[in-house]
Amino acid sequence: MEPTEIVEVDPGDEISCDGGKTYGHPRVYLSAGEDGRADCYYCGRRFQVRMANANQAGGKHQGAA
């Protein structure tokens, strides 16, 4: 299923979804998988954890040590 919306979150942020004004539903708390994604099972919004250091060092991605 394609996500209805993609919301970027910072590493370490708590991920919760209430559907917003468009998809309103009870607030649920989600955990990101190893791929950095969490999909809301009510409304289909996808939460994507931003990659650390992705825009540093001249645009080159620096992997975790």
PDB file of N, CA and C in Angstrom:
ATOM      1  N   MET A   1       0.839  -1.183   0.000  1.00  0.00           N
ATOM      2  CA  MET A   1       0.000   0.000   0.000  1.00  0.00           C
ATOM      3  C   MET A   1       0.883   1.244   0.000  1.00  0.00           C
ATOM      4  N   GLU A   2       0.580   2.170  -0.878  1.00  0.00           N
ATOM      5  CA  GLU A   2       1.324   3.429  -0.928  1.00  0.00           C
ATOM      6  C   GLU A   2       0.909   4.303   0.250  1.00  0.00           C
ATOM      7  N   PRO A   3       1.880   5.004   0.870  1.00  0.00           N
ATOM      8  CA  PRO A   3       1.526   5.884   1.988  1.00  0.00           C
ATOM      9  C   PRO A   3       0.668   7.058   1.519  1.00  0.00           C
ATOM     10  N   THR A   4      -0.266   7.485   2.380  1.00  0.00           N
ATOM     11  CA  THR A   4      -1.110   8.634   2.048  1.00  0.00           C
ATOM     12  C   THR A   4      -0.334   9.934   2.177  1.00  0.00           C
ATOM     13  N   GLU A   5       0.699   9.919   3.009  1.00  0.00           N
ATOM     14  CA  GLU A   5       1.534  11.095   3.259  1.00  0.00           C
ATOM     15  C   GLU A   5       2.831  10.589   3.876  1.00  0.00           C
ATOM     16  N   ILE A   6       3.945  11.269   3.617  1.00  0.00           N
ATOM     17  CA  ILE A   6       5.214  10.931   4.244  1.00  0.00           C
ATOM     18  C   ILE A   6       5.613  12.086   5.146  1.00  0.00           C
ATOM     19  N   VAL A   7       5.851  11.765   6.422  1.00  0.00           N
ATOM     20  CA  VAL A   7       6.210  12.762   7.425  1.00  0.00           C
ATOM     21  C   VAL A   7       7.619  12.440   7.910  1.00  0.00           C
ATOM     22  N   GLU A   8       8.545  13.385   7.769  1.00  0.00           N
ATOM     23  CA  GLU A   8       9.905  13.170   8.249  1.00  0.00           C
ATOM     24  C   GLU A   8      10.009  13.542   9.722  1.00  0.00           C
ATOM     25  N   VAL A   9      10.713  12.704  10.482  1.00  0.00           N
ATOM     26  CA  VAL A   9      10.926  12.955  11.904  1.00  0.00           C
ATOM     27  C   VAL A   9      12.414  12.861  12.201  1.00  0.00           C
ATOM     28  N   ASP A  10      12.843  13.532  13.249  1.00  0.00           N
ATOM     29  CA  ASP A  10      14.245  13.502  13.648  1.00  0.00           C
ATOM     30  C   ASP A  10      14.553  12.235  14.432  1.00  0.00           C
ATOM     31  N   PRO A  11      15.800  11.740  14.347  1.00  0.00           N
ATOM     32  CA  PRO A  11      16.179  10.570  15.132  1.00  0.00           C
ATOM     33  C   PRO A  11      15.915  10.819  16.618  1.00  0.00           C
ATOM     34  N   GLY A  12      15.360   9.849  17.297  1.00  0.00           N
ATOM     35  CA  GLY A  12      15.088   9.963  18.720  1.00  0.00           C
ATOM     36  C   GLY A  12      13.735  10.558  19.052  1.00  0.00           C
ATOM     37  N   ASP A  13      13.034  11.138  18.063  1.00  0.00           N
ATOM     38  CA  ASP A  13      11.705  11.690  18.314  1.00  0.00           C
ATOM     39  C   ASP A  13      10.693  10.569  18.541  1.00  0.00           C
ATOM     40  N   GLU A  14       9.732  10.825  19.440  1.00  0.00           N
ATOM     41  CA  GLU A  14       8.625   9.889  19.627  1.00  0.00           C
ATOM     42  C   GLU A  14       7.720  10.010  18.403  1.00  0.00           C
ATOM     43  N   ILE A  15       7.297   8.894  17.862  1.00  0.00           N
ATOM     44  CA  ILE A  15       6.439   8.907  16.679  1.00  0.00           C
ATOM     45  C   ILE A  15       5.016   8.574  17.113  1.00  0.00           C
ATOM     46  N   SER A  16       4.103   9.503  16.845  1.00  0.00           N
ATOM     47  CA  SER A  16       2.692   9.257  17.122  1.00  0.00           C
ATOM     48  C   SER A  16       1.875   9.822  15.972  1.00  0.00           C
ATOM     49  N   CYS A  17       0.677   9.275  15.793  1.00  0.00           N
ATOM     50  CA  CYS A  17      -0.188   9.728  14.713  1.00  0.00           C
ATOM     51  C   CYS A  17      -1.621   9.800  15.230  1.00  0.00           C
ATOM     52  N   ASP A  18      -2.291  10.908  14.916  1.00  0.00           N
ATOM     53  CA  ASP A  18      -3.715  11.029  15.221  1.00  0.00           C
ATOM     54  C   ASP A  18      -4.509  11.292  13.942  1.00  0.00           C
ATOM     55  N   GLY A  19      -3.837  11.148  12.810  1.00  0.00           N
ATOM     56  CA  GLY A  19      -4.485  11.333  11.520  1.00  0.00           C
ATOM     57  C   GLY A  19      -4.603  12.769  11.065  1.00  0.00           C
ATOM     58  N   GLY A  20      -4.314  13.716  11.955  1.00  0.00           N
ATOM     59  CA  GLY A  20      -4.441  15.117  11.590  1.00  0.00           C
ATOM     60  C   GLY A  20      -5.880  15.490  11.286  1.00  0.00           C
ATOM     61  N   LYS A  21      -6.094  16.633  10.695  1.00  0.00           N
ATOM     62  CA  LYS A  21      -7.453  17.093  10.378  1.00  0.00           C
ATOM     63  C   LYS A  21      -8.083  16.274   9.255  1.00  0.00           C
ATOM     64  N   THR A  22      -7.248  15.779   8.365  1.00  0.00           N
ATOM     65  CA  THR A  22      -7.758  15.047   7.209  1.00  0.00           C
ATOM     66  C   THR A  22      -8.236  13.646   7.555  1.00  0.00           C
ATOM     67  N   TYR A  23      -7.435  12.899   8.338  1.00  0.00           N
ATOM     68  CA  TYR A  23      -7.721  11.484   8.577  1.00  0.00           C
ATOM     69  C   TYR A  23      -8.115  11.183  10.015  1.00  0.00           C
ATOM     70  N   GLY A  24      -8.399  12.167  10.862  1.00  0.00           N
ATOM     71  CA  GLY A  24      -8.623  12.025  12.291  1.00  0.00           C
ATOM     72  C   GLY A  24      -8.958  10.627  12.800  1.00  0.00           C
ATOM     73  N   HIS A  25      -8.200  10.163  13.766  1.00  0.00           N
ATOM     74  CA  HIS A  25      -8.419   8.873  14.417  1.00  0.00           C
ATOM     75  C   HIS A  25      -7.765   8.918  15.791  1.00  0.00           C
ATOM     76  N   PRO A  26      -7.979   7.912  16.640  1.00  0.00           N
ATOM     77  CA  PRO A  26      -7.323   7.914  17.954  1.00  0.00           C
ATOM     78  C   PRO A  26      -5.804   7.971  17.806  1.00  0.00           C
ATOM     79  N   ARG A  27      -5.144   8.674  18.730  1.00  0.00           N
ATOM     80  CA  ARG A  27      -3.684   8.771  18.682  1.00  0.00           C
ATOM     81  C   ARG A  27      -3.063   7.391  18.947  1.00  0.00           C
ATOM     82  N   VAL A  28      -2.125   7.020  18.085  1.00  0.00           N
ATOM     83  CA  VAL A  28      -1.372   5.779  18.261  1.00  0.00           C
ATOM     84  C   VAL A  28       0.111   6.115  18.269  1.00  0.00           C
ATOM     85  N   TYR A  29       0.877   5.328  18.997  1.00  0.00           N
ATOM     86  CA  TYR A  29       2.325   5.498  19.065  1.00  0.00           C
ATOM     87  C   TYR A  29       2.957   4.385  18.255  1.00  0.00           C
ATOM     88  N   LEU A  30       3.932   4.759  17.436  1.00  0.00           N
ATOM     89  CA  LEU A  30       4.541   3.829  16.494  1.00  0.00           C
ATOM     90  C   LEU A  30       6.041   3.729  16.730  1.00  0.00           C
ATOM     91  N   SER A  31       6.601   2.605  16.352  1.00  0.00           N
ATOM     92  CA  SER A  31       8.049   2.402  16.429  1.00  0.00           C
ATOM     93  C   SER A  31       8.591   2.226  15.025  1.00  0.00           C
ATOM     94  N   ALA A  32       9.685   2.921  14.730  1.00  0.00           N
ATOM     95  CA  ALA A  32      10.322   2.788  13.419  1.00  0.00           C
ATOM     96  C   ALA A  32      11.075   1.471  13.356  1.00  0.00           C
ATOM     97  N   GLY A  33      11.014   0.832  12.211  1.00  0.00           N
ATOM     98  CA  GLY A  33      11.760  -0.400  11.987  1.00  0.00           C
ATOM     99  C   GLY A  33      13.213  -0.087  11.673  1.00  0.00           C
ATOM    100  N   GLU A  34      13.981  -1.105  11.364  1.00  0.00           N
ATOM    101  CA  GLU A  34      15.395  -0.910  11.043  1.00  0.00           C
ATOM    102  C   GLU A  34      15.584  -0.061   9.797  1.00  0.00           C
ATOM    103  N   ASP A  35      14.564   0.006   8.950  1.00  0.00           N
ATOM    104  CA  ASP A  35      14.642   0.832   7.739  1.00  0.00           C
ATOM    105  C   ASP A  35      14.280   2.291   8.014  1.00  0.00           C
ATOM    106  N   GLY A  36      13.982   2.613   9.292  1.00  0.00           N
ATOM    107  CA  GLY A  36      13.670   3.986   9.663  1.00  0.00           C
ATOM    108  C   GLY A  36      12.253   4.415   9.337  1.00  0.00           C
ATOM    109  N   ARG A  37      11.383   3.459   9.046  1.00  0.00           N
ATOM    110  CA  ARG A  37      10.006   3.768   8.678  1.00  0.00           C
ATOM    111  C   ARG A  37       9.017   3.235   9.713  1.00  0.00           C
ATOM    112  N   ALA A  38       7.905   3.950   9.842  1.00  0.00           N
ATOM    113  CA  ALA A  38       6.771   3.490  10.631  1.00  0.00           C
ATOM    114  C   ALA A  38       5.511   3.910   9.890  1.00  0.00           C
ATOM    115  N   ASP A  39       4.638   2.970   9.607  1.00  0.00           N
ATOM    116  CA  ASP A  39       3.391   3.267   8.900  1.00  0.00           C
ATOM    117  C   ASP A  39       2.223   3.180   9.871  1.00  0.00           C
ATOM    118  N   CYS A  40       1.361   4.189   9.834  1.00  0.00           N
ATOM    119  CA  CYS A  40       0.171   4.196  10.674  1.00  0.00           C
ATOM    120  C   CYS A  40      -0.834   3.198  10.115  1.00  0.00           C
ATOM    121  N   TYR A  41      -1.303   2.309  10.957  1.00  0.00           N
ATOM    122  CA  TYR A  41      -2.241   1.276  10.512  1.00  0.00           C
ATOM    123  C   TYR A  41      -3.675   1.786  10.413  1.00  0.00           C
ATOM    124  N   TYR A  42      -3.947   3.016  10.898  1.00  0.00           N
ATOM    125  CA  TYR A  42      -5.268   3.608  10.737  1.00  0.00           C
ATOM    126  C   TYR A  42      -5.385   4.349   9.407  1.00  0.00           C
ATOM    127  N   CYS A  43      -4.464   5.268   9.141  1.00  0.00           N
ATOM    128  CA  CYS A  43      -4.637   6.177   8.009  1.00  0.00           C
ATOM    129  C   CYS A  43      -3.608   6.006   6.892  1.00  0.00           C
ATOM    130  N   GLY A  44      -2.564   5.224   7.106  1.00  0.00           N
ATOM    131  CA  GLY A  44      -1.596   4.990   6.048  1.00  0.00           C
ATOM    132  C   GLY A  44      -0.476   6.012   5.954  1.00  0.00           C
ATOM    133  N   ARG A  45      -0.427   6.987   6.883  1.00  0.00           N
ATOM    134  CA  ARG A  45       0.695   7.934   6.868  1.00  0.00           C
ATOM    135  C   ARG A  45       1.984   7.176   7.167  1.00  0.00           C
ATOM    136  N   ARG A  46       3.046   7.580   6.492  1.00  0.00           N
ATOM    137  CA  ARG A  46       4.365   6.979   6.734  1.00  0.00           C
ATOM    138  C   ARG A  46       5.241   8.004   7.440  1.00  0.00           C
ATOM    139  N   PHE A  47       5.895   7.566   8.490  1.00  0.00           N
ATOM    140  CA  PHE A  47       6.858   8.390   9.215  1.00  0.00           C
ATOM    141  C   PHE A  47       8.238   7.853   8.880  1.00  0.00           C
ATOM    142  N   GLN A  48       9.100   8.740   8.403  1.00  0.00           N
ATOM    143  CA  GLN A  48      10.453   8.373   7.977  1.00  0.00           C
ATOM    144  C   GLN A  48      11.454   9.129   8.831  1.00  0.00           C
ATOM    145  N   VAL A  49      12.333   8.390   9.505  1.00  0.00           N
ATOM    146  CA  VAL A  49      13.365   9.015  10.330  1.00  0.00           C
ATOM    147  C   VAL A  49      14.432   9.601   9.411  1.00  0.00           C
ATOM    148  N   ARG A  50      14.762  10.879   9.625  1.00  0.00           N
ATOM    149  CA  ARG A  50      15.813  11.532   8.830  1.00  0.00           C
ATOM    150  C   ARG A  50      17.146  10.860   9.108  1.00  0.00           C
ATOM    151  N   MET A  51      17.940  10.737   8.077  1.00  0.00           N
ATOM    152  CA  MET A  51      19.271  10.153   8.233  1.00  0.00           C
ATOM    153  C   MET A  51      20.201  11.205   8.819  1.00  0.00           C
ATOM    154  N   ALA A  52      20.936  10.856   9.855  1.00  0.00           N
ATOM    155  CA  ALA A  52      21.905  11.767  10.468  1.00  0.00           C
ATOM    156  C   ALA A  52      23.033  12.038   9.489  1.00  0.00           C
ATOM    157  N   ASN A  53      23.470  13.280   9.404  1.00  0.00           N
ATOM    158  CA  ASN A  53      24.595  13.698   8.566  1.00  0.00           C
ATOM    159  C   ASN A  53      24.339  13.564   7.070  1.00  0.00           C
ATOM    160  N   ALA A  54      23.096  13.405   6.642  1.00  0.00           N
ATOM    161  CA  ALA A  54      22.812  13.201   5.220  1.00  0.00           C
ATOM    162  C   ALA A  54      23.156  14.422   4.376  1.00  0.00           C
ATOM    163  N   ASN A  55      23.056  15.625   4.942  1.00  0.00           N
ATOM    164  CA  ASN A  55      23.311  16.827   4.149  1.00  0.00           C
ATOM    165  C   ASN A  55      24.613  17.511   4.543  1.00  0.00           C
ATOM    166  N   GLN A  56      25.490  16.815   5.197  1.00  0.00           N
ATOM    167  CA  GLN A  56      26.768  17.394   5.592  1.00  0.00           C
ATOM    168  C   GLN A  56      27.876  16.884   4.679  1.00  0.00           C
ATOM    169  N   ALA A  57      29.035  17.458   4.806  1.00  0.00           N
ATOM    170  CA  ALA A  57      30.233  17.045   4.056  1.00  0.00           C
ATOM    171  C   ALA A  57      30.001  17.103   2.559  1.00  0.00           C
ATOM    172  N   GLY A  58      29.501  18.248   2.083  1.00  0.00           N
ATOM    173  CA  GLY A  58      29.361  18.436   0.642  1.00  0.00           C
ATOM    174  C   GLY A  58      28.296  17.561   0.017  1.00  0.00           C
ATOM    175  N   GLY A  59      27.288  17.146   0.786  1.00  0.00           N
ATOM    176  CA  GLY A  59      26.211  16.347   0.226  1.00  0.00           C
ATOM    177  C   GLY A  59      26.490  14.861   0.225  1.00  0.00           C
ATOM    178  N   LYS A  60      27.669  14.447   0.648  1.00  0.00           N
ATOM    179  CA  LYS A  60      27.996  13.027   0.687  1.00  0.00           C
ATOM    180  C   LYS A  60      27.422  12.415   1.945  1.00  0.00           C
ATOM    181  N   HIS A  61      26.848  11.229   1.788  1.00  0.00           N
ATOM    182  CA  HIS A  61      26.297  10.521   2.947  1.00  0.00           C
ATOM    183  C   HIS A  61      27.441   9.910   3.740  1.00  0.00           C
ATOM    184  N   GLN A  62      27.407  10.133   5.044  1.00  0.00           N
ATOM    185  CA  GLN A  62      28.417   9.528   5.922  1.00  0.00           C
ATOM    186  C   GLN A  62      27.723   8.439   6.711  1.00  0.00           C
ATOM    187  N   GLY A  63      28.095   7.191   6.486  1.00  0.00           N
ATOM    188  CA  GLY A  63      27.480   6.071   7.193  1.00  0.00           C
ATOM    189  C   GLY A  63      27.896   6.038   8.631  1.00  0.00           C
ATOM    190  N   ALA A  64      27.147   5.288   9.418  1.00  0.00           N
ATOM    191  CA  ALA A  64      27.458   5.146  10.835  1.00  0.00           C
ATOM    192  C   ALA A  64      28.727   4.341  11.000  1.00  0.00           C
ATOM    193  N   ALA A  65      29.514   4.712  11.993  1.00  0.00           N
ATOM    194  CA  ALA A  65      30.777   4.015  12.236  1.00  0.00           C
ATOM    195  C   ALA A  65      30.552   2.738  13.001  1.00  0.00           C
TER     196      ALA A  65
END
